[in-house]
Amino acid sequence: MDNKKKKKSFKLPTAYTVLLIITAIIAIVSHFIPGAIPASLSDFIMAPINGLNNSIDIAIFVLLIGGFLGITT
């Protein structure tokens, strides 16, 4: 019987976790920068939604090109 403890290996966080952490850090730091408009909680929550809303044209274009290439090949 081997009772050796397995050493946990370090797992990198997902891309969504990294983006969430960076967004939270920037929202907090915006309160300490003079001359900057502090980010509120609603700004932090709405950031991904506003980002998707502003880039929906590019997302649809990429989907259309992918569909076109999928049909032609």
PDB file of N, CA and C in Angstrom:
ATOM      1  N   MET A   1       0.832  -1.177   0.000  1.00  0.00           N
ATOM      2  CA  MET A   1       0.000   0.000   0.000  1.00  0.00           C
ATOM      3  C   MET A   1       0.875   1.238   0.000  1.00  0.00           C
ATOM      4  N   ASP A   2       0.696   1.982  -1.006  1.00  0.00           N
ATOM      5  CA  ASP A   2       1.447   3.224  -1.149  1.00  0.00           C
ATOM      6  C   ASP A   2       0.575   4.388  -0.711  1.00  0.00           C
ATOM      7  N   ASN A   3       0.976   5.067   0.312  1.00  0.00           N
ATOM      8  CA  ASN A   3       0.215   6.217   0.800  1.00  0.00           C
ATOM      9  C   ASN A   3       0.904   7.526   0.439  1.00  0.00           C
ATOM     10  N   LYS A   4       1.543   7.553  -0.707  1.00  0.00           N
ATOM     11  CA  LYS A   4       2.208   8.777  -1.141  1.00  0.00           C
ATOM     12  C   LYS A   4       1.161   9.791  -1.594  1.00  0.00           C
ATOM     13  N   LYS A   5       1.370  11.001  -1.163  1.00  0.00           N
ATOM     14  CA  LYS A   5       0.457  12.062  -1.584  1.00  0.00           C
ATOM     15  C   LYS A   5       0.881  12.551  -2.955  1.00  0.00           C
ATOM     16  N   LYS A   6      -0.105  12.692  -3.828  1.00  0.00           N
ATOM     17  CA  LYS A   6       0.193  13.220  -5.148  1.00  0.00           C
ATOM     18  C   LYS A   6       0.401  14.726  -5.047  1.00  0.00           C
ATOM     19  N   LYS A   7       1.432  15.176  -5.688  1.00  0.00           N
ATOM     20  CA  LYS A   7       1.717  16.604  -5.697  1.00  0.00           C
ATOM     21  C   LYS A   7       0.827  17.260  -6.752  1.00  0.00           C
ATOM     22  N   LYS A   8       0.079  18.268  -6.323  1.00  0.00           N
ATOM     23  CA  LYS A   8      -0.804  18.947  -7.265  1.00  0.00           C
ATOM     24  C   LYS A   8       0.029  19.784  -8.220  1.00  0.00           C
ATOM     25  N   SER A   9      -0.249  19.626  -9.476  1.00  0.00           N
ATOM     26  CA  SER A   9       0.466  20.431 -10.458  1.00  0.00           C
ATOM     27  C   SER A   9      -0.279  21.747 -10.666  1.00  0.00           C
ATOM     28  N   PHE A  10       0.471  22.762 -11.005  1.00  0.00           N
ATOM     29  CA  PHE A  10      -0.115  24.085 -11.224  1.00  0.00           C
ATOM     30  C   PHE A  10      -0.853  24.095 -12.553  1.00  0.00           C
ATOM     31  N   LYS A  11      -2.104  24.513 -12.513  1.00  0.00           N
ATOM     32  CA  LYS A  11      -2.895  24.618 -13.736  1.00  0.00           C
ATOM     33  C   LYS A  11      -3.123  26.089 -14.032  1.00  0.00           C
ATOM     34  N   LEU A  12      -2.886  26.466 -15.249  1.00  0.00           N
ATOM     35  CA  LEU A  12      -3.113  27.849 -15.651  1.00  0.00           C
ATOM     36  C   LEU A  12      -4.609  28.149 -15.657  1.00  0.00           C
ATOM     37  N   PRO A  13      -4.991  29.367 -15.287  1.00  0.00           N
ATOM     38  CA  PRO A  13      -6.414  29.720 -15.343  1.00  0.00           C
ATOM     39  C   PRO A  13      -6.868  29.855 -16.795  1.00  0.00           C
ATOM     40  N   THR A  14      -8.157  29.745 -16.991  1.00  0.00           N
ATOM     41  CA  THR A  14      -8.701  29.856 -18.344  1.00  0.00           C
ATOM     42  C   THR A  14      -8.619  31.300 -18.821  1.00  0.00           C
ATOM     43  N   ALA A  15      -8.857  31.489 -20.107  1.00  0.00           N
ATOM     44  CA  ALA A  15      -8.798  32.837 -20.689  1.00  0.00           C
ATOM     45  C   ALA A  15      -9.863  33.735 -20.080  1.00  0.00           C
ATOM     46  N   TYR A  16     -11.034  33.181 -19.810  1.00  0.00           N
ATOM     47  CA  TYR A  16     -12.104  33.983 -19.208  1.00  0.00           C
ATOM     48  C   TYR A  16     -11.726  34.447 -17.800  1.00  0.00           C
ATOM     49  N   THR A  17     -11.058  33.597 -17.057  1.00  0.00           N
ATOM     50  CA  THR A  17     -10.628  33.965 -15.709  1.00  0.00           C
ATOM     51  C   THR A  17      -9.595  35.080 -15.759  1.00  0.00           C
ATOM     52  N   VAL A  18      -8.659  34.980 -16.684  1.00  0.00           N
ATOM     53  CA  VAL A  18      -7.636  36.016 -16.825  1.00  0.00           C
ATOM     54  C   VAL A  18      -8.277  37.343 -17.210  1.00  0.00           C
ATOM     55  N   LEU A  19      -9.205  37.327 -18.161  1.00  0.00           N
ATOM     56  CA  LEU A  19      -9.882  38.561 -18.574  1.00  0.00           C
ATOM     57  C   LEU A  19     -10.697  39.158 -17.436  1.00  0.00           C
ATOM     58  N   LEU A  20     -11.349  38.323 -16.649  1.00  0.00           N
ATOM     59  CA  LEU A  20     -12.130  38.813 -15.513  1.00  0.00           C
ATOM     60  C   LEU A  20     -11.230  39.458 -14.466  1.00  0.00           C
ATOM     61  N   ILE A  21     -10.093  38.847 -14.198  1.00  0.00           N
ATOM     62  CA  ILE A  21      -9.157  39.399 -13.217  1.00  0.00           C
ATOM     63  C   ILE A  21      -8.590  40.731 -13.700  1.00  0.00           C
ATOM     64  N   ILE A  22      -8.210  40.806 -14.974  1.00  0.00           N
ATOM     65  CA  ILE A  22      -7.675  42.057 -15.516  1.00  0.00           C
ATOM     66  C   ILE A  22      -8.723  43.155 -15.473  1.00  0.00           C
ATOM     67  N   THR A  23      -9.968  42.834 -15.830  1.00  0.00           N
ATOM     68  CA  THR A  23     -11.041  43.826 -15.791  1.00  0.00           C
ATOM     69  C   THR A  23     -11.283  44.312 -14.371  1.00  0.00           C
ATOM     70  N   ALA A  24     -11.252  43.411 -13.402  1.00  0.00           N
ATOM     71  CA  ALA A  24     -11.459  43.802 -12.006  1.00  0.00           C
ATOM     72  C   ALA A  24     -10.323  44.691 -11.510  1.00  0.00           C
ATOM     73  N   ILE A  25      -9.092  44.356 -11.874  1.00  0.00           N
ATOM     74  CA  ILE A  25      -7.952  45.173 -11.452  1.00  0.00           C
ATOM     75  C   ILE A  25      -8.049  46.576 -12.037  1.00  0.00           C
ATOM     76  N   ILE A  26      -8.397  46.678 -13.305  1.00  0.00           N
ATOM     77  CA  ILE A  26      -8.512  47.994 -13.942  1.00  0.00           C
ATOM     78  C   ILE A  26      -9.647  48.794 -13.328  1.00  0.00           C
ATOM     79  N   ALA A  27     -10.757  48.137 -12.997  1.00  0.00           N
ATOM     80  CA  ALA A  27     -11.874  48.842 -12.366  1.00  0.00           C
ATOM     81  C   ALA A  27     -11.481  49.380 -11.000  1.00  0.00           C
ATOM     82  N   ILE A  28     -10.705  48.621 -10.250  1.00  0.00           N
ATOM     83  CA  ILE A  28     -10.268  49.075  -8.925  1.00  0.00           C
ATOM     84  C   ILE A  28      -9.235  50.196  -9.047  1.00  0.00           C
ATOM     85  N   VAL A  29      -8.292  50.043  -9.963  1.00  0.00           N
ATOM     86  CA  VAL A  29      -7.238  51.047 -10.128  1.00  0.00           C
ATOM     87  C   VAL A  29      -7.806  52.370 -10.636  1.00  0.00           C
ATOM     88  N   SER A  30      -8.922  52.325 -11.369  1.00  0.00           N
ATOM     89  CA  SER A  30      -9.504  53.565 -11.900  1.00  0.00           C
ATOM     90  C   SER A  30      -9.955  54.511 -10.793  1.00  0.00           C
ATOM     91  N   HIS A  31     -10.142  54.015  -9.588  1.00  0.00           N
ATOM     92  CA  HIS A  31     -10.519  54.874  -8.463  1.00  0.00           C
ATOM     93  C   HIS A  31      -9.324  55.661  -7.926  1.00  0.00           C
ATOM     94  N   PHE A  32      -8.110  55.214  -8.187  1.00  0.00           N
ATOM     95  CA  PHE A  32      -6.919  55.843  -7.626  1.00  0.00           C
ATOM     96  C   PHE A  32      -6.166  56.724  -8.615  1.00  0.00           C
ATOM     97  N   ILE A  33      -6.530  56.682  -9.893  1.00  0.00           N
ATOM     98  CA  ILE A  33      -5.855  57.498 -10.898  1.00  0.00           C
ATOM     99  C   ILE A  33      -6.510  58.873 -10.927  1.00  0.00           C
ATOM    100  N   PRO A  34      -5.738  59.926 -10.676  1.00  0.00           N
ATOM    101  CA  PRO A  34      -6.334  61.261 -10.693  1.00  0.00           C
ATOM    102  C   PRO A  34      -6.733  61.652 -12.120  1.00  0.00           C
ATOM    103  N   GLY A  35      -7.889  62.243 -12.245  1.00  0.00           N
ATOM    104  CA  GLY A  35      -8.379  62.674 -13.546  1.00  0.00           C
ATOM    105  C   GLY A  35      -9.155  61.607 -14.296  1.00  0.00           C
ATOM    106  N   ALA A  36      -9.152  60.393 -13.805  1.00  0.00           N
ATOM    107  CA  ALA A  36      -9.887  59.313 -14.462  1.00  0.00           C
ATOM    108  C   ALA A  36     -11.286  59.218 -13.868  1.00  0.00           C
ATOM    109  N   ILE A  37     -12.208  58.728 -14.663  1.00  0.00           N
ATOM    110  CA  ILE A  37     -13.570  58.512 -14.181  1.00  0.00           C
ATOM    111  C   ILE A  37     -13.604  57.136 -13.517  1.00  0.00           C
ATOM    112  N   PRO A  38     -13.931  57.068 -12.228  1.00  0.00           N
ATOM    113  CA  PRO A  38     -13.950  55.764 -11.543  1.00  0.00           C
ATOM    114  C   PRO A  38     -15.020  54.835 -12.131  1.00  0.00           C
ATOM    115  N   ALA A  39     -14.670  53.583 -12.295  1.00  0.00           N
ATOM    116  CA  ALA A  39     -15.601  52.594 -12.823  1.00  0.00           C
ATOM    117  C   ALA A  39     -16.511  52.108 -11.699  1.00  0.00           C
ATOM    118  N   SER A  40     -17.799  52.122 -11.965  1.00  0.00           N
ATOM    119  CA  SER A  40     -18.754  51.643 -10.967  1.00  0.00           C
ATOM    120  C   SER A  40     -18.955  50.135 -11.129  1.00  0.00           C
ATOM    121  N   LEU A  41     -19.721  49.560 -10.233  1.00  0.00           N
ATOM    122  CA  LEU A  41     -20.005  48.123 -10.305  1.00  0.00           C
ATOM    123  C   LEU A  41     -20.784  47.789 -11.573  1.00  0.00           C
ATOM    124  N   SER A  42     -21.702  48.667 -11.961  1.00  0.00           N
ATOM    125  CA  SER A  42     -22.470  48.419 -13.187  1.00  0.00           C
ATOM    126  C   SER A  42     -21.573  48.492 -14.422  1.00  0.00           C
ATOM    127  N   ASP A  43     -20.566  49.369 -14.412  1.00  0.00           N
ATOM    128  CA  ASP A  43     -19.610  49.415 -15.522  1.00  0.00           C
ATOM    129  C   ASP A  43     -18.837  48.106 -15.622  1.00  0.00           C
ATOM    130  N   PHE A  44     -18.441  47.569 -14.469  1.00  0.00           N
ATOM    131  CA  PHE A  44     -17.698  46.308 -14.434  1.00  0.00           C
ATOM    132  C   PHE A  44     -18.551  45.150 -14.950  1.00  0.00           C
ATOM    133  N   ILE A  45     -19.817  45.114 -14.552  1.00  0.00           N
ATOM    134  CA  ILE A  45     -20.709  44.028 -14.968  1.00  0.00           C
ATOM    135  C   ILE A  45     -21.074  44.144 -16.447  1.00  0.00           C
ATOM    136  N   MET A  46     -21.249  45.373 -16.929  1.00  0.00           N
ATOM    137  CA  MET A  46     -21.676  45.575 -18.311  1.00  0.00           C
ATOM    138  C   MET A  46     -20.521  45.556 -19.312  1.00  0.00           C
ATOM    139  N   ALA A  47     -19.283  45.496 -18.862  1.00  0.00           N
ATOM    140  CA  ALA A  47     -18.130  45.547 -19.763  1.00  0.00           C
ATOM    141  C   ALA A  47     -18.145  44.430 -20.816  1.00  0.00           C
ATOM    142  N   PRO A  48     -18.376  43.160 -20.461  1.00  0.00           N
ATOM    143  CA  PRO A  48     -18.404  42.126 -21.508  1.00  0.00           C
ATOM    144  C   PRO A  48     -19.568  42.299 -22.481  1.00  0.00           C
ATOM    145  N   ILE A  49     -20.701  42.748 -21.981  1.00  0.00           N
ATOM    146  CA  ILE A  49     -21.875  42.932 -22.835  1.00  0.00           C
ATOM    147  C   ILE A  49     -21.637  44.074 -23.813  1.00  0.00           C
ATOM    148  N   ASN A  50     -21.090  45.180 -23.317  1.00  0.00           N
ATOM    149  CA  ASN A  50     -20.789  46.309 -24.197  1.00  0.00           C
ATOM    150  C   ASN A  50     -19.709  45.949 -25.206  1.00  0.00           C
ATOM    151  N   GLY A  51     -18.729  45.165 -24.794  1.00  0.00           N
ATOM    152  CA  GLY A  51     -17.682  44.738 -25.712  1.00  0.00           C
ATOM    153  C   GLY A  51     -18.224  43.873 -26.831  1.00  0.00           C
ATOM    154  N   LEU A  52     -19.117  42.951 -26.504  1.00  0.00           N
ATOM    155  CA  LEU A  52     -19.727  42.113 -27.532  1.00  0.00           C
ATOM    156  C   LEU A  52     -20.624  42.934 -28.440  1.00  0.00           C
ATOM    157  N   ASN A  53     -21.348  43.881 -27.853  1.00  0.00           N
ATOM    158  CA  ASN A  53     -22.234  44.736 -28.635  1.00  0.00           C
ATOM    159  C   ASN A  53     -21.441  45.581 -29.626  1.00  0.00           C
ATOM    160  N   ASN A  54     -20.271  46.050 -29.235  1.00  0.00           N
ATOM    161  CA  ASN A  54     -19.458  46.883 -30.116  1.00  0.00           C
ATOM    162  C   ASN A  54     -18.728  46.078 -31.183  1.00  0.00           C
ATOM    163  N   SER A  55     -18.545  44.784 -30.981  1.00  0.00           N
ATOM    164  CA  SER A  55     -17.779  43.982 -31.936  1.00  0.00           C
ATOM    165  C   SER A  55     -18.630  42.939 -32.656  1.00  0.00           C
ATOM    166  N   ILE A  56     -19.944  43.079 -32.608  1.00  0.00           N
ATOM    167  CA  ILE A  56     -20.814  42.066 -33.219  1.00  0.00           C
ATOM    168  C   ILE A  56     -20.651  42.012 -34.736  1.00  0.00           C
ATOM    169  N   ASP A  57     -20.324  43.155 -35.371  1.00  0.00           N
ATOM    170  CA  ASP A  57     -20.122  43.160 -36.821  1.00  0.00           C
ATOM    171  C   ASP A  57     -18.952  42.259 -37.213  1.00  0.00           C
ATOM    172  N   ILE A  58     -17.875  42.335 -36.473  1.00  0.00           N
ATOM    173  CA  ILE A  58     -16.704  41.507 -36.765  1.00  0.00           C
ATOM    174  C   ILE A  58     -17.016  40.037 -36.504  1.00  0.00           C
ATOM    175  N   ALA A  59     -17.745  39.740 -35.429  1.00  0.00           N
ATOM    176  CA  ALA A  59     -18.078  38.352 -35.105  1.00  0.00           C
ATOM    177  C   ALA A  59     -18.954  37.733 -36.194  1.00  0.00           C
ATOM    178  N   ILE A  60     -19.935  38.473 -36.672  1.00  0.00           N
ATOM    179  CA  ILE A  60     -20.809  37.958 -37.738  1.00  0.00           C
ATOM    180  C   ILE A  60     -20.019  37.778 -39.028  1.00  0.00           C
ATOM    181  N   PHE A  61     -19.122  38.713 -39.331  1.00  0.00           N
ATOM    182  CA  PHE A  61     -18.291  38.595 -40.530  1.00  0.00           C
ATOM    183  C   PHE A  61     -17.437  37.333 -40.477  1.00  0.00           C
ATOM    184  N   VAL A  62     -16.816  37.065 -39.350  1.00  0.00           N
ATOM    185  CA  VAL A  62     -15.979  35.867 -39.205  1.00  0.00           C
ATOM    186  C   VAL A  62     -16.825  34.602 -39.353  1.00  0.00           C
ATOM    187  N   LEU A  63     -18.031  34.596 -38.772  1.00  0.00           N
ATOM    188  CA  LEU A  63     -18.917  33.436 -38.917  1.00  0.00           C
ATOM    189  C   LEU A  63     -19.339  33.235 -40.368  1.00  0.00           C
ATOM    190  N   LEU A  64     -19.642  34.318 -41.079  1.00  0.00           N
ATOM    191  CA  LEU A  64     -20.036  34.209 -42.486  1.00  0.00           C
ATOM    192  C   LEU A  64     -18.889  33.702 -43.352  1.00  0.00           C
ATOM    193  N   ILE A  65     -17.697  34.207 -43.139  1.00  0.00           N
ATOM    194  CA  ILE A  65     -16.538  33.741 -43.907  1.00  0.00           C
ATOM    195  C   ILE A  65     -16.266  32.267 -43.613  1.00  0.00           C
ATOM    196  N   GLY A  66     -16.375  31.867 -42.353  1.00  0.00           N
ATOM    197  CA  GLY A  66     -16.179  30.461 -42.001  1.00  0.00           C
ATOM    198  C   GLY A  66     -17.220  29.567 -42.653  1.00  0.00           C
ATOM    199  N   GLY A  67     -18.472  30.017 -42.675  1.00  0.00           N
ATOM    200  CA  GLY A  67     -19.523  29.255 -43.343  1.00  0.00           C
ATOM    201  C   GLY A  67     -19.296  29.162 -44.838  1.00  0.00           C
ATOM    202  N   PHE A  68     -18.878  30.263 -45.446  1.00  0.00           N
ATOM    203  CA  PHE A  68     -18.598  30.267 -46.880  1.00  0.00           C
ATOM    204  C   PHE A  68     -17.468  29.310 -47.218  1.00  0.00           C
ATOM    205  N   LEU A  69     -16.399  29.351 -46.428  1.00  0.00           N
ATOM    206  CA  LEU A  69     -15.278  28.448 -46.683  1.00  0.00           C
ATOM    207  C   LEU A  69     -15.657  26.997 -46.408  1.00  0.00           C
ATOM    208  N   GLY A  70     -16.542  26.772 -45.443  1.00  0.00           N
ATOM    209  CA  GLY A  70     -16.994  25.414 -45.164  1.00  0.00           C
ATOM    210  C   GLY A  70     -17.829  24.842 -46.299  1.00  0.00           C
ATOM    211  N   ILE A  71     -18.603  25.690 -46.961  1.00  0.00           N
ATOM    212  CA  ILE A  71     -19.439  25.232 -48.077  1.00  0.00           C
ATOM    213  C   ILE A  71     -18.598  24.990 -49.320  1.00  0.00           C
ATOM    214  N   THR A  72     -17.639  25.884 -49.585  1.00  0.00           N
ATOM    215  CA  THR A  72     -16.875  25.783 -50.829  1.00  0.00           C
ATOM    216  C   THR A  72     -15.783  24.725 -50.789  1.00  0.00           C
ATOM    217  N   THR A  73     -15.373  24.290 -49.613  1.00  0.00           N
ATOM    218  CA  THR A  73     -14.299  23.283 -49.593  1.00  0.00           C
ATOM    219  C   THR A  73     -14.827  21.916 -49.258  1.00  0.00           C
TER     220      THR A  73
END
